PDB file of N, CA and C in Angstrom:
ATOM      1  N   MET A   1     -16.070   5.538   9.013  1.00  0.00           N
ATOM      2  CA  MET A   1     -17.343   4.834   8.949  1.00  0.00           C
ATOM      3  C   MET A   1     -17.824   4.455  10.344  1.00  0.00           C
ATOM      4  N   HIS A   2     -16.875   4.148  11.237  1.00  0.00           N
ATOM      5  CA  HIS A   2     -17.263   3.766  12.597  1.00  0.00           C
ATOM      6  C   HIS A   2     -17.984   4.932  13.281  1.00  0.00           C
ATOM      7  N   ARG A   3     -17.464   6.122  13.121  1.00  0.00           N
ATOM      8  CA  ARG A   3     -18.102   7.291  13.738  1.00  0.00           C
ATOM      9  C   ARG A   3     -19.419   7.630  13.054  1.00  0.00           C
ATOM     10  N   ILE A   4     -19.454   7.495  11.741  1.00  0.00           N
ATOM     11  CA  ILE A   4     -20.689   7.779  11.009  1.00  0.00           C
ATOM     12  C   ILE A   4     -21.795   6.821  11.433  1.00  0.00           C
ATOM     13  N   THR A   5     -21.466   5.531  11.564  1.00  0.00           N
ATOM     14  CA  THR A   5     -22.486   4.581  12.010  1.00  0.00           C
ATOM     15  C   THR A   5     -22.870   4.831  13.461  1.00  0.00           C
ATOM     16  N   GLY A   6     -21.942   5.337  14.264  1.00  0.00           N
ATOM     17  CA  GLY A   6     -22.281   5.712  15.634  1.00  0.00           C
ATOM     18  C   GLY A   6     -23.303   6.839  15.671  1.00  0.00           C
ATOM     19  N   VAL A   7     -23.115   7.824  14.814  1.00  0.00           N
ATOM     20  CA  VAL A   7     -24.077   8.928  14.716  1.00  0.00           C
ATOM     21  C   VAL A   7     -25.415   8.409  14.182  1.00  0.00           C
ATOM     22  N   ALA A   8     -25.362   7.512  13.193  1.00  0.00           N
ATOM     23  CA  ALA A   8     -26.591   6.925  12.648  1.00  0.00           C
ATOM     24  C   ALA A   8     -27.332   6.128  13.723  1.00  0.00           C
ATOM     25  N   LEU A   9     -26.597   5.462  14.579  1.00  0.00           N
ATOM     26  CA  LEU A   9     -27.226   4.714  15.669  1.00  0.00           C
ATOM     27  C   LEU A   9     -27.911   5.649  16.652  1.00  0.00           C
ATOM     28  N   ALA A  10     -27.304   6.798  16.922  1.00  0.00           N
ATOM     29  CA  ALA A  10     -27.934   7.778  17.811  1.00  0.00           C
ATOM     30  C   ALA A  10     -29.239   8.292  17.197  1.00  0.00           C
ATOM     31  N   GLY A  11     -29.206   8.614  15.906  1.00  0.00           N
ATOM     32  CA  GLY A  11     -30.420   9.060  15.231  1.00  0.00           C
ATOM     33  C   GLY A  11     -31.473   7.967  15.149  1.00  0.00           C
ATOM     34  N   GLY A  12     -31.038   6.758  14.854  1.00  0.00           N
ATOM     35  CA  GLY A  12     -31.967   5.631  14.791  1.00  0.00           C
ATOM     36  C   GLY A  12     -32.586   5.318  16.137  1.00  0.00           C
ATOM     37  N   THR A  13     -31.841   5.552  17.199  1.00  0.00           N
ATOM     38  CA  THR A  13     -32.381   5.337  18.540  1.00  0.00           C
ATOM     39  C   THR A  13     -33.498   6.330  18.835  1.00  0.00           C
ATOM     40  N   LEU A  14     -33.362   7.552  18.349  1.00  0.00           N
ATOM     41  CA  LEU A  14     -34.453   8.523  18.500  1.00  0.00           C
ATOM     42  C   LEU A  14     -35.691   8.072  17.740  1.00  0.00           C
ATOM     43  N   PHE A  15     -35.490   7.535  16.559  1.00  0.00           N
ATOM     44  CA  PHE A  15     -36.593   7.004  15.745  1.00  0.00           C
ATOM     45  C   PHE A  15     -37.271   5.840  16.472  1.00  0.00           C
ATOM     46  N   PHE A  16     -36.463   4.961  17.044  1.00  0.00           N
ATOM     47  CA  PHE A  16     -36.984   3.815  17.792  1.00  0.00           C
ATOM     48  C   PHE A  16     -37.729   4.280  19.047  1.00  0.00           C
ATOM     49  N   THR A  17     -37.211   5.310  19.703  1.00  0.00           N
ATOM     50  CA  THR A  17     -37.868   5.854  20.894  1.00  0.00           C
ATOM     51  C   THR A  17     -39.232   6.437  20.536  1.00  0.00           C
ATOM     52  N   TYR A  18     -39.311   7.086  19.385  1.00  0.00           N
ATOM     53  CA  TYR A  18     -40.608   7.593  18.910  1.00  0.00           C
ATOM     54  C   TYR A  18     -41.609   6.458  18.791  1.00  0.00           C
ATOM     55  N   TRP A  19     -41.170   5.328  18.246  1.00  0.00           N
ATOM     56  CA  TRP A  19     -42.056   4.179  18.080  1.00  0.00           C
ATOM     57  C   TRP A  19     -42.520   3.643  19.431  1.00  0.00           C
ATOM     58  N   LEU A  20     -41.588   3.511  20.378  1.00  0.00           N
ATOM     59  CA  LEU A  20     -41.946   3.010  21.703  1.00  0.00           C
ATOM     60  C   LEU A  20     -42.890   3.963  22.432  1.00  0.00           C
ATOM     61  N   LEU A  21     -42.590   5.247  22.386  1.00  0.00           N
ATOM     62  CA  LEU A  21     -43.445   6.210  23.073  1.00  0.00           C
ATOM     63  C   LEU A  21     -44.830   6.295  22.455  1.00  0.00           C
ATOM     64  N   SER A  22     -44.918   6.092  21.149  1.00  0.00           N
ATOM     65  CA  SER A  22     -46.235   6.146  20.505  1.00  0.00           C
ATOM     66  C   SER A  22     -47.143   5.045  21.037  1.00  0.00           C
ATOM     67  N   ALA A  23     -46.564   3.930  21.424  1.00  0.00           N
ATOM     68  CA  ALA A  23     -47.369   2.836  21.977  1.00  0.00           C
ATOM     69  C   ALA A  23     -47.964   3.210  23.327  1.00  0.00           C
ATOM     70  N   THR A  24     -47.310   4.087  24.055  1.00  0.00           N
ATOM     71  CA  THR A  24     -47.832   4.487  25.363  1.00  0.00           C
ATOM     72  C   THR A  24     -48.955   5.508  25.264  1.00  0.00           C
ATOM     73  N   TYR A  25     -49.096   6.144  24.113  1.00  0.00           N
ATOM     74  CA  TYR A  25     -50.115   7.173  23.946  1.00  0.00           C
ATOM     75  C   TYR A  25     -51.388   6.674  23.264  1.00  0.00           C
ATOM     76  N   GLY A  26     -51.500   5.376  23.065  1.00  0.00           N
ATOM     77  CA  GLY A  26     -52.740   4.830  22.545  1.00  0.00           C
ATOM     78  C   GLY A  26     -52.609   4.234  21.151  1.00  0.00           C
ATOM     79  N   ALA A  27     -53.693   3.577  20.763  1.00  0.00           N
ATOM     80  CA  ALA A  27     -53.712   2.827  19.511  1.00  0.00           C
ATOM     81  C   ALA A  27     -53.582   3.735  18.285  1.00  0.00           C
ATOM     82  N   GLU A  28     -54.201   4.907  18.338  1.00  0.00           N
ATOM     83  CA  GLU A  28     -54.153   5.797  17.174  1.00  0.00           C
ATOM     84  C   GLU A  28     -52.734   6.311  16.932  1.00  0.00           C
ATOM     85  N   LYS A  29     -52.056   6.729  17.983  1.00  0.00           N
ATOM     86  CA  LYS A  29     -50.674   7.212  17.845  1.00  0.00           C
ATOM     87  C   LYS A  29     -49.745   6.082  17.401  1.00  0.00           C
ATOM     88  N   PHE A  30     -49.979   4.886  17.935  1.00  0.00           N
ATOM     89  CA  PHE A  30     -49.153   3.742  17.551  1.00  0.00           C
ATOM     90  C   PHE A  30     -49.385   3.374  16.092  1.00  0.00           C
ATOM     91  N   ALA A  31     -50.630   3.451  15.633  1.00  0.00           N
ATOM     92  CA  ALA A  31     -50.933   3.179  14.225  1.00  0.00           C
ATOM     93  C   ALA A  31     -50.236   4.192  13.322  1.00  0.00           C
ATOM     94  N   ASN A  32     -50.166   5.444  13.758  1.00  0.00           N
ATOM     95  CA  ASN A  32     -49.443   6.462  12.989  1.00  0.00           C
ATOM     96  C   ASN A  32     -47.958   6.130  12.915  1.00  0.00           C
ATOM     97  N   ALA A  33     -47.386   5.711  14.038  1.00  0.00           N
ATOM     98  CA  ALA A  33     -45.967   5.342  14.058  1.00  0.00           C
ATOM     99  C   ALA A  33     -45.725   4.120  13.175  1.00  0.00           C
ATOM    100  N   GLN A  34     -46.615   3.162  13.221  1.00  0.00           N
ATOM    101  CA  GLN A  34     -46.494   1.977  12.380  1.00  0.00           C
ATOM    102  C   GLN A  34     -46.557   2.354  10.900  1.00  0.00           C
ATOM    103  N   ALA A  35     -47.388   3.332  10.580  1.00  0.00           N
ATOM    104  CA  ALA A  35     -47.469   3.796   9.195  1.00  0.00           C
ATOM    105  C   ALA A  35     -46.156   4.448   8.765  1.00  0.00           C
ATOM    106  N   VAL A  36     -45.535   5.204   9.674  1.00  0.00           N
ATOM    107  CA  VAL A  36     -44.245   5.818   9.352  1.00  0.00           C
ATOM    108  C   VAL A  36     -43.195   4.736   9.141  1.00  0.00           C
ATOM    109  N   PHE A  37     -43.138   3.755  10.037  1.00  0.00           N
ATOM    110  CA  PHE A  37     -42.153   2.682   9.921  1.00  0.00           C
ATOM    111  C   PHE A  37     -42.424   1.796   8.710  1.00  0.00           C
ATOM    112  N   GLY A  38     -43.679   1.680   8.317  1.00  0.00           N
ATOM    113  CA  GLY A  38     -44.028   0.847   7.173  1.00  0.00           C
ATOM    114  C   GLY A  38     -43.850   1.539   5.831  1.00  0.00           C
ATOM    115  N   SER A  39     -43.655   2.859   5.842  1.00  0.00           N
ATOM    116  CA  SER A  39     -43.475   3.589   4.589  1.00  0.00           C
ATOM    117  C   SER A  39     -42.095   3.296   4.011  1.00  0.00           C
ATOM    118  N   TRP A  40     -41.892   3.696   2.761  1.00  0.00           N
ATOM    119  CA  TRP A  40     -40.588   3.460   2.129  1.00  0.00           C
ATOM    120  C   TRP A  40     -39.491   4.192   2.886  1.00  0.00           C
ATOM    121  N   PHE A  41     -39.797   5.398   3.387  1.00  0.00           N
ATOM    122  CA  PHE A  41     -38.811   6.160   4.148  1.00  0.00           C
ATOM    123  C   PHE A  41     -38.460   5.433   5.450  1.00  0.00           C
ATOM    124  N   GLY A  42     -39.463   4.964   6.147  1.00  0.00           N
ATOM    125  CA  GLY A  42     -39.238   4.244   7.402  1.00  0.00           C
ATOM    126  C   GLY A  42     -38.469   2.956   7.190  1.00  0.00           C
ATOM    127  N   GLN A  43     -38.763   2.266   6.103  1.00  0.00           N
ATOM    128  CA  GLN A  43     -38.044   1.032   5.806  1.00  0.00           C
ATOM    129  C   GLN A  43     -36.565   1.297   5.529  1.00  0.00           C
ATOM    130  N   ILE A  44     -36.280   2.355   4.794  1.00  0.00           N
ATOM    131  CA  ILE A  44     -34.878   2.703   4.523  1.00  0.00           C
ATOM    132  C   ILE A  44     -34.154   3.054   5.819  1.00  0.00           C
ATOM    133  N   ILE A  45     -34.833   3.792   6.704  1.00  0.00           N
ATOM    134  CA  ILE A  45     -34.240   4.120   8.004  1.00  0.00           C
ATOM    135  C   ILE A  45     -33.962   2.839   8.790  1.00  0.00           C
ATOM    136  N   LEU A  46     -34.901   1.909   8.812  1.00  0.00           N
ATOM    137  CA  LEU A  46     -34.701   0.651   9.539  1.00  0.00           C
ATOM    138  C   LEU A  46     -33.580  -0.185   8.940  1.00  0.00           C
ATOM    139  N   TRP A  47     -33.485  -0.225   7.618  1.00  0.00           N
ATOM    140  CA  TRP A  47     -32.397  -0.975   6.972  1.00  0.00           C
ATOM    141  C   TRP A  47     -31.051  -0.358   7.316  1.00  0.00           C
ATOM    142  N   GLY A  48     -30.976   0.969   7.250  1.00  0.00           N
ATOM    143  CA  GLY A  48     -29.734   1.652   7.592  1.00  0.00           C
ATOM    144  C   GLY A  48     -29.367   1.478   9.055  1.00  0.00           C
ATOM    145  N   PHE A  49     -30.370   1.523   9.923  1.00  0.00           N
ATOM    146  CA  PHE A  49     -30.136   1.315  11.353  1.00  0.00           C
ATOM    147  C   PHE A  49     -29.607  -0.089  11.605  1.00  0.00           C
ATOM    148  N   THR A  50     -30.190  -1.067  10.929  1.00  0.00           N
ATOM    149  CA  THR A  50     -29.746  -2.450  11.084  1.00  0.00           C
ATOM    150  C   THR A  50     -28.312  -2.620  10.597  1.00  0.00           C
ATOM    151  N   PHE A  51     -27.992  -2.063   9.429  1.00  0.00           N
ATOM    152  CA  PHE A  51     -26.622  -2.137   8.931  1.00  0.00           C
ATOM    153  C   PHE A  51     -25.662  -1.443   9.892  1.00  0.00           C
ATOM    154  N   SER A  52     -26.065  -0.285  10.407  1.00  0.00           N
ATOM    155  CA  SER A  52     -25.206   0.464  11.326  1.00  0.00           C
ATOM    156  C   SER A  52     -24.906  -0.325  12.592  1.00  0.00           C
ATOM    157  N   ILE A  53     -25.905  -1.025  13.116  1.00  0.00           N
ATOM    158  CA  ILE A  53     -25.691  -1.842  14.311  1.00  0.00           C
ATOM    159  C   ILE A  53     -24.622  -2.894  14.046  1.00  0.00           C
ATOM    160  N   PHE A  54     -24.769  -3.613  12.955  1.00  0.00           N
ATOM    161  CA  PHE A  54     -23.831  -4.707  12.685  1.00  0.00           C
ATOM    162  C   PHE A  54     -22.448  -4.197  12.288  1.00  0.00           C
ATOM    163  N   PHE A  55     -22.381  -3.101  11.530  1.00  0.00           N
ATOM    164  CA  PHE A  55     -21.075  -2.577  11.168  1.00  0.00           C
ATOM    165  C   PHE A  55     -20.358  -2.029  12.397  1.00  0.00           C
ATOM    166  N   HIS A  56     -21.084  -1.315  13.240  1.00  0.00           N
ATOM    167  CA  HIS A  56     -20.482  -0.757  14.441  1.00  0.00           C
ATOM    168  C   HIS A  56     -19.980  -1.874  15.360  1.00  0.00           C
ATOM    169  N   LEU A  57     -20.746  -2.963  15.449  1.00  0.00           N
ATOM    170  CA  LEU A  57     -20.315  -4.123  16.240  1.00  0.00           C
ATOM    171  C   LEU A  57     -19.032  -4.723  15.674  1.00  0.00           C
ATOM    172  N   ALA A  58     -19.032  -5.008  14.388  1.00  0.00           N
ATOM    173  CA  ALA A  58     -17.860  -5.637  13.760  1.00  0.00           C
ATOM    174  C   ALA A  58     -16.631  -4.741  13.841  1.00  0.00           C
ATOM    175  N   ASN A  59     -16.820  -3.461  13.582  1.00  0.00           N
ATOM    176  CA  ASN A  59     -15.683  -2.553  13.635  1.00  0.00           C
ATOM    177  C   ASN A  59     -15.217  -2.330  15.068  1.00  0.00           C
ATOM    178  N   GLY A  60     -16.125  -2.400  16.023  1.00  0.00           N
ATOM    179  CA  GLY A  60     -15.732  -2.309  17.420  1.00  0.00           C
ATOM    180  C   GLY A  60     -14.860  -3.492  17.829  1.00  0.00           C
ATOM    181  N   LEU A  61     -15.208  -4.683  17.337  1.00  0.00           N
ATOM    182  CA  LEU A  61     -14.375  -5.861  17.604  1.00  0.00           C
ATOM    183  C   LEU A  61     -13.017  -5.727  16.929  1.00  0.00           C
ATOM    184  N   ARG A  62     -13.013  -5.124  15.767  1.00  0.00           N
ATOM    185  CA  ARG A  62     -11.762  -4.862  15.049  1.00  0.00           C
ATOM    186  C   ARG A  62     -10.872  -3.922  15.861  1.00  0.00           C
ATOM    187  N   HIS A  63     -11.461  -2.871  16.409  1.00  0.00           N
ATOM    188  CA  HIS A  63     -10.699  -1.949  17.241  1.00  0.00           C
ATOM    189  C   HIS A  63     -10.219  -2.627  18.529  1.00  0.00           C
ATOM    190  N   LEU A  64     -11.024  -3.520  19.066  1.00  0.00           N
ATOM    191  CA  LEU A  64     -10.618  -4.265  20.253  1.00  0.00           C
ATOM    192  C   LEU A  64      -9.382  -5.116  19.952  1.00  0.00           C
ATOM    193  N   ALA A  65      -9.354  -5.729  18.765  1.00  0.00           N
ATOM    194  CA  ALA A  65      -8.178  -6.501  18.356  1.00  0.00           C
ATOM    195  C   ALA A  65      -6.963  -5.590  18.222  1.00  0.00           C
ATOM    196  N   TRP A  66      -7.171  -4.395  17.696  1.00  0.00           N
ATOM    197  CA  TRP A  66      -6.067  -3.444  17.592  1.00  0.00           C
ATOM    198  C   TRP A  66      -5.553  -3.055  18.973  1.00  0.00           C
ATOM    199  N   ASP A  67      -6.465  -2.880  19.926  1.00  0.00           N
ATOM    200  CA  ASP A  67      -6.053  -2.546  21.292  1.00  0.00           C
ATOM    201  C   ASP A  67      -5.208  -3.657  21.905  1.00  0.00           C
ATOM    202  N   ALA A  68      -5.450  -4.884  21.477  1.00  0.00           N
ATOM    203  CA  ALA A  68      -4.665  -6.026  21.959  1.00  0.00           C
ATOM    204  C   ALA A  68      -3.350  -6.168  21.184  1.00  0.00           C
ATOM    205  N   GLY A  69      -3.142  -5.340  20.174  1.00  0.00           N
ATOM    206  CA  GLY A  69      -1.899  -5.360  19.418  1.00  0.00           C
ATOM    207  C   GLY A  69      -1.923  -6.244  18.185  1.00  0.00           C
ATOM    208  N   TRP A  70      -3.100  -6.710  17.770  1.00  0.00           N
ATOM    209  CA  TRP A  70      -3.200  -7.578  16.592  1.00  0.00           C
ATOM    210  C   TRP A  70      -3.754  -6.792  15.414  1.00  0.00           C
ATOM    211  N   GLY A  71      -3.219  -7.059  14.232  1.00  0.00           N
ATOM    212  CA  GLY A  71      -3.828  -6.572  13.003  1.00  0.00           C
ATOM    213  C   GLY A  71      -3.356  -5.226  12.506  1.00  0.00           C
ATOM    214  N   PHE A  72      -2.138  -4.818  12.836  1.00  0.00           N
ATOM    215  CA  PHE A  72      -1.641  -3.525  12.379  1.00  0.00           C
ATOM    216  C   PHE A  72      -0.969  -3.573  11.011  1.00  0.00           C
ATOM    217  N   ASP A  73      -0.675  -4.762  10.509  1.00  0.00           N
ATOM    218  CA  ASP A  73      -0.095  -4.860   9.172  1.00  0.00           C
ATOM    219  C   ASP A  73      -1.132  -4.393   8.152  1.00  0.00           C
ATOM    220  N   LEU A  74      -0.659  -3.746   7.097  1.00  0.00           N
ATOM    221  CA  LEU A  74      -1.571  -3.155   6.121  1.00  0.00           C
ATOM    222  C   LEU A  74      -2.503  -4.197   5.500  1.00  0.00           C
ATOM    223  N   ASP A  75      -1.998  -5.390   5.227  1.00  0.00           N
ATOM    224  CA  ASP A  75      -2.865  -6.414   4.637  1.00  0.00           C
ATOM    225  C   ASP A  75      -3.939  -6.862   5.624  1.00  0.00           C
ATOM    226  N   LYS A  76      -3.610  -6.934   6.903  1.00  0.00           N
ATOM    227  CA  LYS A  76      -4.608  -7.313   7.917  1.00  0.00           C
ATOM    228  C   LYS A  76      -5.615  -6.192   8.149  1.00  0.00           C
ATOM    229  N   VAL A  77      -5.162  -4.952   8.060  1.00  0.00           N
ATOM    230  CA  VAL A  77      -6.072  -3.816   8.203  1.00  0.00           C
ATOM    231  C   VAL A  77      -7.107  -3.840   7.078  1.00  0.00           C
ATOM    232  N   ARG A  78      -6.642  -4.040   5.863  1.00  0.00           N
ATOM    233  CA  ARG A  78      -7.571  -4.109   4.717  1.00  0.00           C
ATOM    234  C   ARG A  78      -8.511  -5.302   4.832  1.00  0.00           C
ATOM    235  N   MET A  79      -7.962  -6.464   5.191  1.00  0.00           N
ATOM    236  CA  MET A  79      -8.785  -7.664   5.306  1.00  0.00           C
ATOM    237  C   MET A  79      -9.850  -7.493   6.391  1.00  0.00           C
ATOM    238  N   SER A  80      -9.464  -6.980   7.549  1.00  0.00           N
ATOM    239  CA  SER A  80     -10.428  -6.825   8.635  1.00  0.00           C
ATOM    240  C   SER A  80     -11.472  -5.759   8.296  1.00  0.00           C
ATOM    241  N   GLY A  81     -11.069  -4.737   7.545  1.00  0.00           N
ATOM    242  CA  GLY A  81     -12.034  -3.730   7.109  1.00  0.00           C
ATOM    243  C   GLY A  81     -13.088  -4.316   6.182  1.00  0.00           C
ATOM    244  N   TRP A  82     -12.640  -5.102   5.213  1.00  0.00           N
ATOM    245  CA  TRP A  82     -13.592  -5.755   4.307  1.00  0.00           C
ATOM    246  C   TRP A  82     -14.440  -6.783   5.034  1.00  0.00           C
ATOM    247  N   LEU A  83     -13.851  -7.486   5.996  1.00  0.00           N
ATOM    248  CA  LEU A  83     -14.633  -8.453   6.773  1.00  0.00           C
ATOM    249  C   LEU A  83     -15.728  -7.760   7.583  1.00  0.00           C
ATOM    250  N   ALA A  84     -15.426  -6.585   8.106  1.00  0.00           N
ATOM    251  CA  ALA A  84     -16.439  -5.834   8.856  1.00  0.00           C
ATOM    252  C   ALA A  84     -17.600  -5.441   7.945  1.00  0.00           C
ATOM    253  N   VAL A  85     -17.292  -4.979   6.745  1.00  0.00           N
ATOM    254  CA  VAL A  85     -18.340  -4.589   5.798  1.00  0.00           C
ATOM    255  C   VAL A  85     -19.145  -5.811   5.359  1.00  0.00           C
ATOM    256  N   LEU A  86     -18.459  -6.904   5.032  1.00  0.00           N
ATOM    257  CA  LEU A  86     -19.159  -8.123   4.598  1.00  0.00           C
ATOM    258  C   LEU A  86     -20.015  -8.711   5.714  1.00  0.00           C
ATOM    259  N   PHE A  87     -19.491  -8.709   6.939  1.00  0.00           N
ATOM    260  CA  PHE A  87     -20.265  -9.194   8.079  1.00  0.00           C
ATOM    261  C   PHE A  87     -21.530  -8.355   8.251  1.00  0.00           C
ATOM    262  N   ALA A  88     -21.374  -7.036   8.206  1.00  0.00           N
ATOM    263  CA  ALA A  88     -22.522  -6.148   8.387  1.00  0.00           C
ATOM    264  C   ALA A  88     -23.561  -6.353   7.289  1.00  0.00           C
ATOM    265  N   ALA A  89     -23.113  -6.488   6.052  1.00  0.00           N
ATOM    266  CA  ALA A  89     -24.052  -6.701   4.945  1.00  0.00           C
ATOM    267  C   ALA A  89     -24.765  -8.041   5.079  1.00  0.00           C
ATOM    268  N   ALA A  90     -24.015  -9.091   5.387  1.00  0.00           N
ATOM    269  CA  ALA A  90     -24.614 -10.430   5.505  1.00  0.00           C
ATOM    270  C   ALA A  90     -25.607 -10.483   6.662  1.00  0.00           C
ATOM    271  N   MET A  91     -25.247  -9.923   7.791  1.00  0.00           N
ATOM    272  CA  MET A  91     -26.138  -9.962   8.943  1.00  0.00           C
ATOM    273  C   MET A  91     -27.362  -9.067   8.742  1.00  0.00           C
ATOM    274  N   THR A  92     -27.190  -7.972   8.018  1.00  0.00           N
ATOM    275  CA  THR A  92     -28.333  -7.122   7.707  1.00  0.00           C
ATOM    276  C   THR A  92     -29.320  -7.872   6.825  1.00  0.00           C
ATOM    277  N   VAL A  93     -28.822  -8.518   5.791  1.00  0.00           N
ATOM    278  CA  VAL A  93     -29.695  -9.290   4.904  1.00  0.00           C
ATOM    279  C   VAL A  93     -30.385 -10.415   5.679  1.00  0.00           C
ATOM    280  N   LEU A  94     -29.634 -11.139   6.500  1.00  0.00           N
ATOM    281  CA  LEU A  94     -30.218 -12.221   7.297  1.00  0.00           C
ATOM    282  C   LEU A  94     -31.294 -11.692   8.237  1.00  0.00           C
ATOM    283  N   THR A  95     -31.025 -10.589   8.901  1.00  0.00           N
ATOM    284  CA  THR A  95     -32.001  -9.996   9.819  1.00  0.00           C
ATOM    285  C   THR A  95     -33.262  -9.573   9.074  1.00  0.00           C
ATOM    286  N   LEU A  96     -33.092  -8.950   7.914  1.00  0.00           N
ATOM    287  CA  LEU A  96     -34.254  -8.513   7.148  1.00  0.00           C
ATOM    288  C   LEU A  96     -35.061  -9.692   6.621  1.00  0.00           C
ATOM    289  N   VAL A  97     -34.389 -10.747   6.191  1.00  0.00           N
ATOM    290  CA  VAL A  97     -35.108 -11.950   5.728  1.00  0.00           C
ATOM    291  C   VAL A  97     -35.931 -12.536   6.863  1.00  0.00           C
ATOM    292  N   VAL A  98     -35.325 -12.663   8.024  1.00  0.00           N
ATOM    293  CA  VAL A  98     -36.051 -13.215   9.180  1.00  0.00           C
ATOM    294  C   VAL A  98     -37.205 -12.287   9.572  1.00  0.00           C
ATOM    295  N   ALA A  99     -36.951 -10.991   9.613  1.00  0.00           N
ATOM    296  CA  ALA A  99     -37.994 -10.045  10.027  1.00  0.00           C
ATOM    297  C   ALA A  99     -39.172 -10.024   9.049  1.00  0.00           C
ATOM    298  N   TYR A 100     -38.868  -9.990   7.751  1.00  0.00           N
ATOM    299  CA  TYR A 100     -39.958  -9.949   6.772  1.00  0.00           C
ATOM    300  C   TYR A 100     -40.712 -11.277   6.688  1.00  0.00           C
ATOM    301  N   SER A 101     -40.013 -12.383   6.864  1.00  0.00           N
ATOM    302  CA  SER A 101     -40.728 -13.661   6.854  1.00  0.00           C
ATOM    303  C   SER A 101     -41.585 -13.817   8.099  1.00  0.00           C
ATOM    304  N   ALA A 102     -41.136 -13.306   9.237  1.00  0.00           N
ATOM    305  CA  ALA A 102     -41.947 -13.366  10.450  1.00  0.00           C
ATOM    306  C   ALA A 102     -43.163 -12.456  10.355  1.00  0.00           C
ATOM    307  N   ALA A 103     -43.024 -11.370   9.591  1.00  0.00           N
ATOM    308  CA  ALA A 103     -44.133 -10.421   9.430  1.00  0.00           C
ATOM    309  C   ALA A 103     -45.077 -10.834   8.312  1.00  0.00           C
ATOM    310  N   GLY A 104     -44.817 -11.940   7.689  1.00  0.00           N
ATOM    311  CA  GLY A 104     -45.697 -12.399   6.620  1.00  0.00           C
ATOM    312  C   GLY A 104     -45.370 -11.800   5.276  1.00  0.00           C
ATOM    313  N   GLY A 105     -44.144 -11.319   5.093  1.00  0.00           N
ATOM    314  CA  GLY A 105     -43.716 -10.797   3.800  1.00  0.00           C
ATOM    315  C   GLY A 105     -44.145  -9.379   3.519  1.00  0.00           C
ATOM    316  N   ASN A 106     -44.651  -8.657   4.514  1.00  0.00           N
ATOM    317  CA  ASN A 106     -45.078  -7.267   4.303  1.00  0.00           C
ATOM    318  C   ASN A 106     -43.898  -6.348   4.246  1.00  0.00           C
TER     319      ASN A 106
END
């Protein structure tokens, strides 16, 4: 999952770069990019990108703990794996709640 989210982050970064570059080419191009991001497809991409960021962060910290020699017991491996997933899900939901409330619920 760590590698898969890494690949998803690379793809999501290209999507984000498209949005940034569209702003440099004028209002019409930016409006088109906003329409893509506002569509159901764009929203799913943004949700997945957000989850990938938080999961990759949590799992990276998990790997850092392993590099320090902590957490190799099977019960700790399972617990830290579930904690990474729960952290990513909770932070994704929190981020989306904040983002949608700041945008006026759109």
